C-alpha atoms as a PDB file:
ATOM      1  CA  MET A   1     -33.249   3.228  94.716  1.00  0.00           C
ATOM      2  CA  ASN A   2     -33.595   1.442  98.000  1.00  0.00           C
ATOM      3  CA  ILE A   3     -37.187   1.478  99.279  1.00  0.00           C
ATOM      4  CA  PRO A   4     -37.684   0.525 102.938  1.00  0.00           C
ATOM      5  CA  PRO A   5     -40.018  -2.363 103.772  1.00  0.00           C
ATOM      6  CA  ILE A   6     -43.601  -1.598 104.785  1.00  0.00           C
ATOM      7  CA  THR A   7     -44.516  -1.996 108.443  1.00  0.00           C
ATOM      8  CA  SER A   8     -47.452  -4.298 107.694  1.00  0.00           C
ATOM      9  CA  ILE A   9     -49.866  -5.330 104.988  1.00  0.00           C
ATOM     10  CA  GLU A  10     -52.766  -3.956 107.011  1.00  0.00           C
ATOM     11  CA  ASN A  11     -51.124  -0.538 107.397  1.00  0.00           C
ATOM     12  CA  ALA A  12     -50.335  -0.341 103.696  1.00  0.00           C
ATOM     13  CA  LEU A  13     -53.898  -1.217 102.671  1.00  0.00           C
ATOM     14  CA  GLN A  14     -55.450   1.171 105.175  1.00  0.00           C
ATOM     15  CA  ILE A  15     -53.238   4.038 104.028  1.00  0.00           C
ATOM     16  CA  TYR A  16     -53.845   3.296 100.345  1.00  0.00           C
ATOM     17  CA  TYR A  17     -57.623   3.277 100.677  1.00  0.00           C
ATOM     18  CA  LYS A  18     -57.942   5.985 103.319  1.00  0.00           C
ATOM     19  CA  TYR A  19     -55.748   8.767 101.892  1.00  0.00           C
ATOM     20  CA  SER A  20     -55.731  10.224  98.387  1.00  0.00           C
ATOM     21  CA  GLU A  21     -52.465  11.986  99.252  1.00  0.00           C
ATOM     22  CA  LEU A  22     -49.646  11.167 101.631  1.00  0.00           C
ATOM     23  CA  GLY A  23     -47.717  13.450 103.921  1.00  0.00           C
ATOM     24  CA  ASN A  24     -44.867  12.696 106.301  1.00  0.00           C
ATOM     25  CA  LYS A  25     -47.189  11.202 108.925  1.00  0.00           C
ATOM     26  CA  GLU A  26     -48.681   8.653 106.521  1.00  0.00           C
ATOM     27  CA  ILE A  27     -45.281   7.775 105.064  1.00  0.00           C
ATOM     28  CA  LEU A  28     -43.905   7.172 108.567  1.00  0.00           C
ATOM     29  CA  THR A  29     -46.891   4.933 109.324  1.00  0.00           C
ATOM     30  CA  LEU A  30     -46.299   3.039 106.081  1.00  0.00           C
ATOM     31  CA  PHE A  31     -42.533   2.516 106.472  1.00  0.00           C
ATOM     32  CA  GLY A  32     -41.939   3.012 110.185  1.00  0.00           C
ATOM     33  CA  LYS A  33     -39.482   5.431 111.744  1.00  0.00           C
ATOM     34  CA  ARG A  34     -37.196   6.788 109.033  1.00  0.00           C
ATOM     35  CA  SER A  35     -34.846   9.731 108.721  1.00  0.00           C
ATOM     36  CA  SER A  36     -36.093  12.992 107.285  1.00  0.00           C
ATOM     37  CA  ASN A  37     -33.716  12.403 104.349  1.00  0.00           C
ATOM     38  CA  THR A  38     -35.387   9.075 103.562  1.00  0.00           C
ATOM     39  CA  ILE A  39     -38.856  10.631 103.730  1.00  0.00           C
ATOM     40  CA  ALA A  40     -37.728  13.494 101.476  1.00  0.00           C
ATOM     41  CA  ARG A  41     -36.208  11.019  98.983  1.00  0.00           C
ATOM     42  CA  LEU A  42     -39.397   8.951  98.857  1.00  0.00           C
ATOM     43  CA  LYS A  43     -41.530  12.054  98.366  1.00  0.00           C
ATOM     44  CA  ARG A  44     -39.168  13.388  95.678  1.00  0.00           C
ATOM     45  CA  MET A  45     -39.468  10.108  93.758  1.00  0.00           C
ATOM     46  CA  ALA A  46     -43.255  10.377  93.849  1.00  0.00           C
ATOM     47  CA  LYS A  47     -43.266  14.107  92.993  1.00  0.00           C
ATOM     48  CA  ASN A  48     -41.065  13.467  89.938  1.00  0.00           C
ATOM     49  CA  LYS A  49     -43.481  10.805  88.682  1.00  0.00           C
ATOM     50  CA  MET A  50     -46.429  13.108  89.402  1.00  0.00           C
ATOM     51  CA  GLN A  51     -44.825  15.847  87.282  1.00  0.00           C
ATOM     52  CA  GLU A  52     -44.164  13.344  84.515  1.00  0.00           C
ATOM     53  CA  LYS A  53     -47.826  12.264  84.559  1.00  0.00           C
ATOM     54  CA  ARG A  54     -49.056  15.832  85.078  1.00  0.00           C
ATOM     55  CA  VAL A  55     -50.805  14.965  88.333  1.00  0.00           C
ATOM     56  CA  MET A  56     -51.297  17.849  90.734  1.00  0.00           C
ATOM     57  CA  SER A  57     -51.474  17.552  94.506  1.00  0.00           C
ATOM     58  CA  TYR A  58     -53.786  19.382  96.872  1.00  0.00           C
ATOM     59  CA  GLY A  59     -51.042  19.986  99.406  1.00  0.00           C
ATOM     60  CA  ALA A  60     -47.561  21.264  98.563  1.00  0.00           C
ATOM     61  CA  ASN A  61     -45.992  18.779 100.980  1.00  0.00           C
ATOM     62  CA  LYS A  62     -48.070  15.796  99.914  1.00  0.00           C
ATOM     63  CA  VAL A  63     -47.812  13.191  97.169  1.00  0.00           C
ATOM     64  CA  ASN A  64     -50.506  11.293  95.287  1.00  0.00           C
ATOM     65  CA  THR A  65     -51.055   7.937  96.997  1.00  0.00           C
ATOM     66  CA  LYS A  66     -51.604   5.847  93.867  1.00  0.00           C
ATOM     67  CA  ILE A  67     -48.498   7.205  92.151  1.00  0.00           C
ATOM     68  CA  ALA A  68     -46.404   6.927  95.323  1.00  0.00           C
ATOM     69  CA  PHE A  69     -47.314   3.266  95.814  1.00  0.00           C
ATOM     70  CA  GLU A  70     -46.618   2.597  92.141  1.00  0.00           C
ATOM     71  CA  ILE A  71     -43.184   4.248  92.176  1.00  0.00           C
ATOM     72  CA  TRP A  72     -42.286   2.646  95.533  1.00  0.00           C
ATOM     73  CA  GLY A  73     -43.181  -0.801  94.166  1.00  0.00           C
ATOM     74  CA  ILE A  74     -46.055  -1.486  96.555  1.00  0.00           C
ATOM     75  CA  ASN A  75     -48.538  -3.690  94.715  1.00  0.00           C
ATOM     76  CA  ILE A  76     -51.975  -3.307  96.309  1.00  0.00           C
ATOM     77  CA  GLN A  77     -53.503  -6.293  94.523  1.00  0.00           C
ATOM     78  CA  GLU A  78     -50.690  -8.518  95.772  1.00  0.00           C
ATOM     79  CA  LEU A  79     -51.073  -7.227  99.330  1.00  0.00           C
ATOM     80  CA  GLU A  80     -54.823  -7.878  99.211  1.00  0.00           C
ATOM     81  CA  LYS A  81     -54.212 -11.487  98.083  1.00  0.00           C
ATOM     82  CA  ARG A  82     -51.684 -11.980 100.856  1.00  0.00           C
ATOM     83  CA  LEU A  83     -54.034 -10.595 103.495  1.00  0.00           C
ATOM     84  CA  ILE A  84     -56.819 -12.915 102.326  1.00  0.00           C
ATOM     85  CA  LYS A  85     -54.429 -15.884 102.480  1.00  0.00           C
ATOM     86  CA  LEU A  86     -53.248 -14.916 105.960  1.00  0.00           C
ATOM     87  CA  LYS A  87     -56.850 -14.772 107.124  1.00  0.00           C
ATOM     88  CA  GLU A  88     -57.593 -18.175 105.529  1.00  0.00           C
ATOM     89  CA  LEU A  89     -54.612 -19.651 107.354  1.00  0.00           C
ATOM     90  CA  ASP A  90     -55.656 -17.846 110.547  1.00  0.00           C
ATOM     91  CA  LEU A  91     -52.203 -16.279 110.938  1.00  0.00           C
END
């Protein structure tokens, strides 16, 4: 499936560490303005993986952040390395 690009490394890291679950607002912040169909597809992917792993969510319209990032292919460790390198290069 086609996953949209993240808006920025900083946004992705902030969302990952700040929220245990993601709703539409956080997903829009992560990926930028997207259609409701895209948001629903992304959430459905995460919900399916959550069911597979037997992970419950606190909100019916939310998805587990760790699982969502995993299924969407967002590697936190890689983003952290990139942010450190950007800061070293003063970019």
